[in-house]
């Protein structure tokens, strides 16, 4: 019998933005006496990915880097047609291999709990937007706020809450 996944606490919003990230160095006490790679990789290497969706306090993105739950990340989100980036800190909650094809490199989908955005703790910024009846945060405002403003100006979004 399959186990039921817990329902998400907050809704997800589709997003497609370039994500660059670094895995924070974590001290390990393991000792390995074999030489695994004659050219050691830079532990401060930056990796590139693309966001899939975002929530009040989470980010899901695709990248070639396999991550481990608990990894701490420094993330920069580069929004399309914007010159500035959004700096975030977060912790990997899950990572899974995406469908593998013969001619493509492995890609992983990772879910990250965002703890800080532009230096502010995300948890302290979560609130219920009474006008639109949706949970909101500084993270969503920084990522989606400009998009929502532009859509409203072009009458693509109504100022009235959905009646669904």
Protein backbone atom coordinates (compact mmCIF):
# COMPACT_ATOMS: atom_id res chain seq x y z
CA UNK A 1 0.00 0.00 0.00
CA UNK A 2 1.39 3.40 -0.99
CA UNK A 3 1.85 5.97 1.73
CA UNK A 4 -0.01 9.24 1.30
CA UNK A 5 2.12 12.35 0.88
CA UNK A 6 1.29 15.10 3.37
CA UNK A 7 -0.55 18.03 1.89
CA UNK A 8 1.53 21.09 1.18
CA UNK A 9 1.28 23.88 3.70
CA UNK A 10 1.41 26.62 1.04
CA UNK A 11 0.47 26.70 -2.65
CA UNK A 12 3.20 26.59 -5.30
CA UNK A 13 3.57 29.15 -8.08
CA UNK A 14 5.26 28.17 -11.32
CA UNK A 15 8.51 29.99 -11.91
CA UNK A 16 11.23 29.80 -14.47
CA UNK A 17 14.36 31.64 -13.49
CA UNK A 18 18.06 30.92 -13.52
CA UNK A 19 19.34 29.69 -10.17
CA UNK A 20 23.00 29.68 -9.21
CA UNK A 21 23.93 28.05 -5.93
CA UNK A 22 26.78 26.90 -3.73
CA UNK A 23 26.70 24.14 -1.17
CA UNK A 24 28.02 25.46 2.13
CA UNK A 25 31.14 23.72 3.31
CA UNK A 26 30.37 21.31 6.10
CA UNK A 27 33.16 19.91 8.22
CA UNK A 28 33.32 16.13 8.04
CA UNK A 29 35.41 13.89 10.24
CA UNK A 30 35.48 10.97 7.81
CA UNK A 31 38.94 9.83 6.78
CA UNK A 32 39.43 8.40 3.31
CA UNK A 33 42.90 7.07 2.50
CA UNK A 34 42.46 6.61 -1.23
CA UNK A 35 42.90 9.29 -3.84
CA UNK A 36 39.53 9.60 -5.48
CA UNK A 37 40.30 12.37 -7.95
CA UNK A 38 43.77 13.61 -8.89
CA UNK A 39 42.28 17.06 -9.52
CA UNK A 40 40.27 18.02 -6.45
CA UNK A 41 37.19 20.06 -7.18
CA UNK A 42 36.80 23.50 -5.70
CA UNK A 43 34.53 23.11 -2.62
CA UNK A 44 33.17 26.60 -3.35
CA UNK A 45 32.06 25.66 -6.88
CA UNK A 46 28.91 27.30 -8.10
CA UNK A 47 26.22 25.26 -9.84
CA UNK A 48 23.51 26.41 -12.24
CA UNK A 49 19.91 25.31 -12.39
CA UNK A 50 16.42 26.56 -13.25
CA UNK A 51 13.52 27.07 -10.89
CA UNK A 52 10.35 25.05 -11.35
CA UNK A 53 8.15 26.55 -8.66
CA UNK A 54 8.22 28.70 -5.56
CA UNK A 55 6.11 29.03 -2.43
CA UNK A 56 5.93 31.21 0.66
CA UNK A 57 9.06 29.56 2.05
CA UNK A 58 10.29 27.08 -0.54
CA UNK A 59 11.95 26.74 -3.92
CA UNK A 60 12.04 23.78 -6.27
CA UNK A 61 14.70 23.73 -8.98
CA UNK A 62 16.33 21.47 -11.52
CA UNK A 63 20.12 21.15 -11.77
CA UNK A 64 22.86 18.65 -12.62
CA UNK A 65 24.04 18.62 -8.97
CA UNK A 66 22.83 15.85 -6.70
CA UNK A 67 22.12 17.32 -3.29
CA UNK A 68 21.59 15.68 0.08
CA UNK A 69 18.78 16.55 2.50
CA UNK A 70 20.26 18.83 5.14
CA UNK A 71 22.74 20.51 2.77
CA UNK A 72 22.87 24.26 3.39
CA UNK A 73 22.78 26.37 0.21
CA UNK A 74 23.60 29.91 -0.79
CA UNK A 75 21.27 30.67 -3.73
CA UNK A 76 21.08 33.53 -6.20
CA UNK A 77 17.88 33.74 -8.23
CA UNK A 78 18.23 35.68 -11.48
CA UNK A 79 14.83 36.89 -12.67
CA UNK A 80 14.27 37.34 -16.42
CA UNK A 81 14.70 40.92 -17.65
CA UNK A 82 16.01 42.05 -14.23
CA UNK A 83 19.52 43.32 -13.56
CA UNK A 84 19.56 42.42 -9.87
CA UNK A 85 19.46 38.98 -8.30
CA UNK A 86 17.69 37.75 -5.19
CA UNK A 87 20.03 36.29 -2.57
CA UNK A 88 18.70 33.40 -0.50
CA UNK A 89 19.86 30.90 2.06
CA UNK A 90 18.17 27.55 2.43
CA UNK A 91 18.30 23.91 3.42
CA UNK A 92 17.73 21.00 1.06
CA UNK A 93 14.66 18.98 2.07
CA UNK A 94 14.67 16.45 -0.77
CA UNK A 95 16.42 15.65 -4.04
CA UNK A 96 15.52 13.10 -6.69
CA UNK A 97 16.84 12.02 -10.06
CA UNK A 98 14.67 13.13 -12.95
CA UNK A 99 13.89 10.86 -15.88
CA UNK A 100 17.13 9.86 -17.57
CA UNK A 101 17.50 9.95 -21.35
CA UNK A 102 20.31 8.42 -23.36
CA UNK A 103 21.78 11.65 -24.75
CA UNK A 104 21.25 14.02 -21.82
CA UNK A 105 23.27 14.46 -18.63
CA UNK A 106 21.65 13.52 -15.33
CA UNK A 107 19.38 16.17 -13.87
CA UNK A 108 18.07 16.35 -10.32
CA UNK A 109 15.00 18.05 -8.92
CA UNK A 110 15.55 19.54 -5.46
CA UNK A 111 13.22 21.06 -2.89
CA UNK A 112 14.72 23.69 -0.63
CA UNK A 113 13.30 25.35 2.48
CA UNK A 114 14.30 29.01 2.13
CA UNK A 115 15.37 30.44 5.48
CA UNK A 116 16.53 33.92 4.42
CA UNK A 117 15.88 36.17 1.45
CA UNK A 118 18.08 39.21 0.96
CA UNK A 119 19.28 38.78 4.55
CA UNK A 120 15.78 38.70 6.12
CA UNK A 121 14.41 35.57 7.85
CA UNK A 122 11.54 34.38 5.64
CA UNK A 123 9.57 32.96 8.57
CA UNK A 124 9.26 36.49 10.03
CA UNK A 125 7.69 37.81 6.80
CA UNK A 126 4.89 35.27 6.23
CA UNK A 127 1.38 36.72 6.41
CA UNK A 128 -2.12 36.19 5.05
CA UNK A 129 -2.98 38.68 2.29
CA UNK A 130 -6.62 39.46 3.04
CA UNK A 131 -7.31 41.11 -0.32
CA UNK A 132 -6.24 38.10 -2.40
CA UNK A 133 -6.85 35.41 0.28
CA UNK A 134 -3.42 33.87 -0.10
CA UNK A 135 -0.43 33.33 2.18
CA UNK A 136 2.40 35.67 1.19
CA UNK A 137 5.98 36.40 2.23
CA UNK A 138 8.99 38.55 1.42
CA UNK A 139 10.25 35.67 -0.74
CA UNK A 140 7.14 35.68 -2.93
CA UNK A 141 7.07 39.46 -2.99
CA UNK A 142 10.69 39.66 -4.17
CA UNK A 143 10.20 37.00 -6.84
CA UNK A 144 6.59 37.47 -7.96
CA UNK A 145 5.75 40.96 -6.76
CA UNK A 146 7.13 42.74 -9.81
CA UNK A 147 5.39 40.27 -12.11
CA UNK A 148 2.06 40.76 -10.33
CA UNK A 149 2.41 44.58 -10.51
CA UNK A 150 3.15 44.49 -14.25
CA UNK A 151 0.18 42.17 -14.89
CA UNK A 152 -2.17 44.43 -12.92
CA UNK A 153 -0.96 47.44 -14.90
CA UNK A 154 -1.72 45.58 -18.13
CA UNK A 155 -5.06 44.36 -16.74
CA UNK A 156 -3.86 40.75 -16.92
CA UNK A 157 -4.77 40.19 -13.28
CA UNK A 158 -7.93 41.33 -11.64
CA UNK A 159 -7.74 43.23 -8.37
CA UNK A 160 -10.62 41.08 -7.17
CA UNK A 161 -10.04 37.69 -5.51
CA UNK A 162 -10.84 34.61 -7.56
CA UNK A 163 -14.34 33.18 -7.12
CA UNK A 164 -13.26 29.58 -7.81
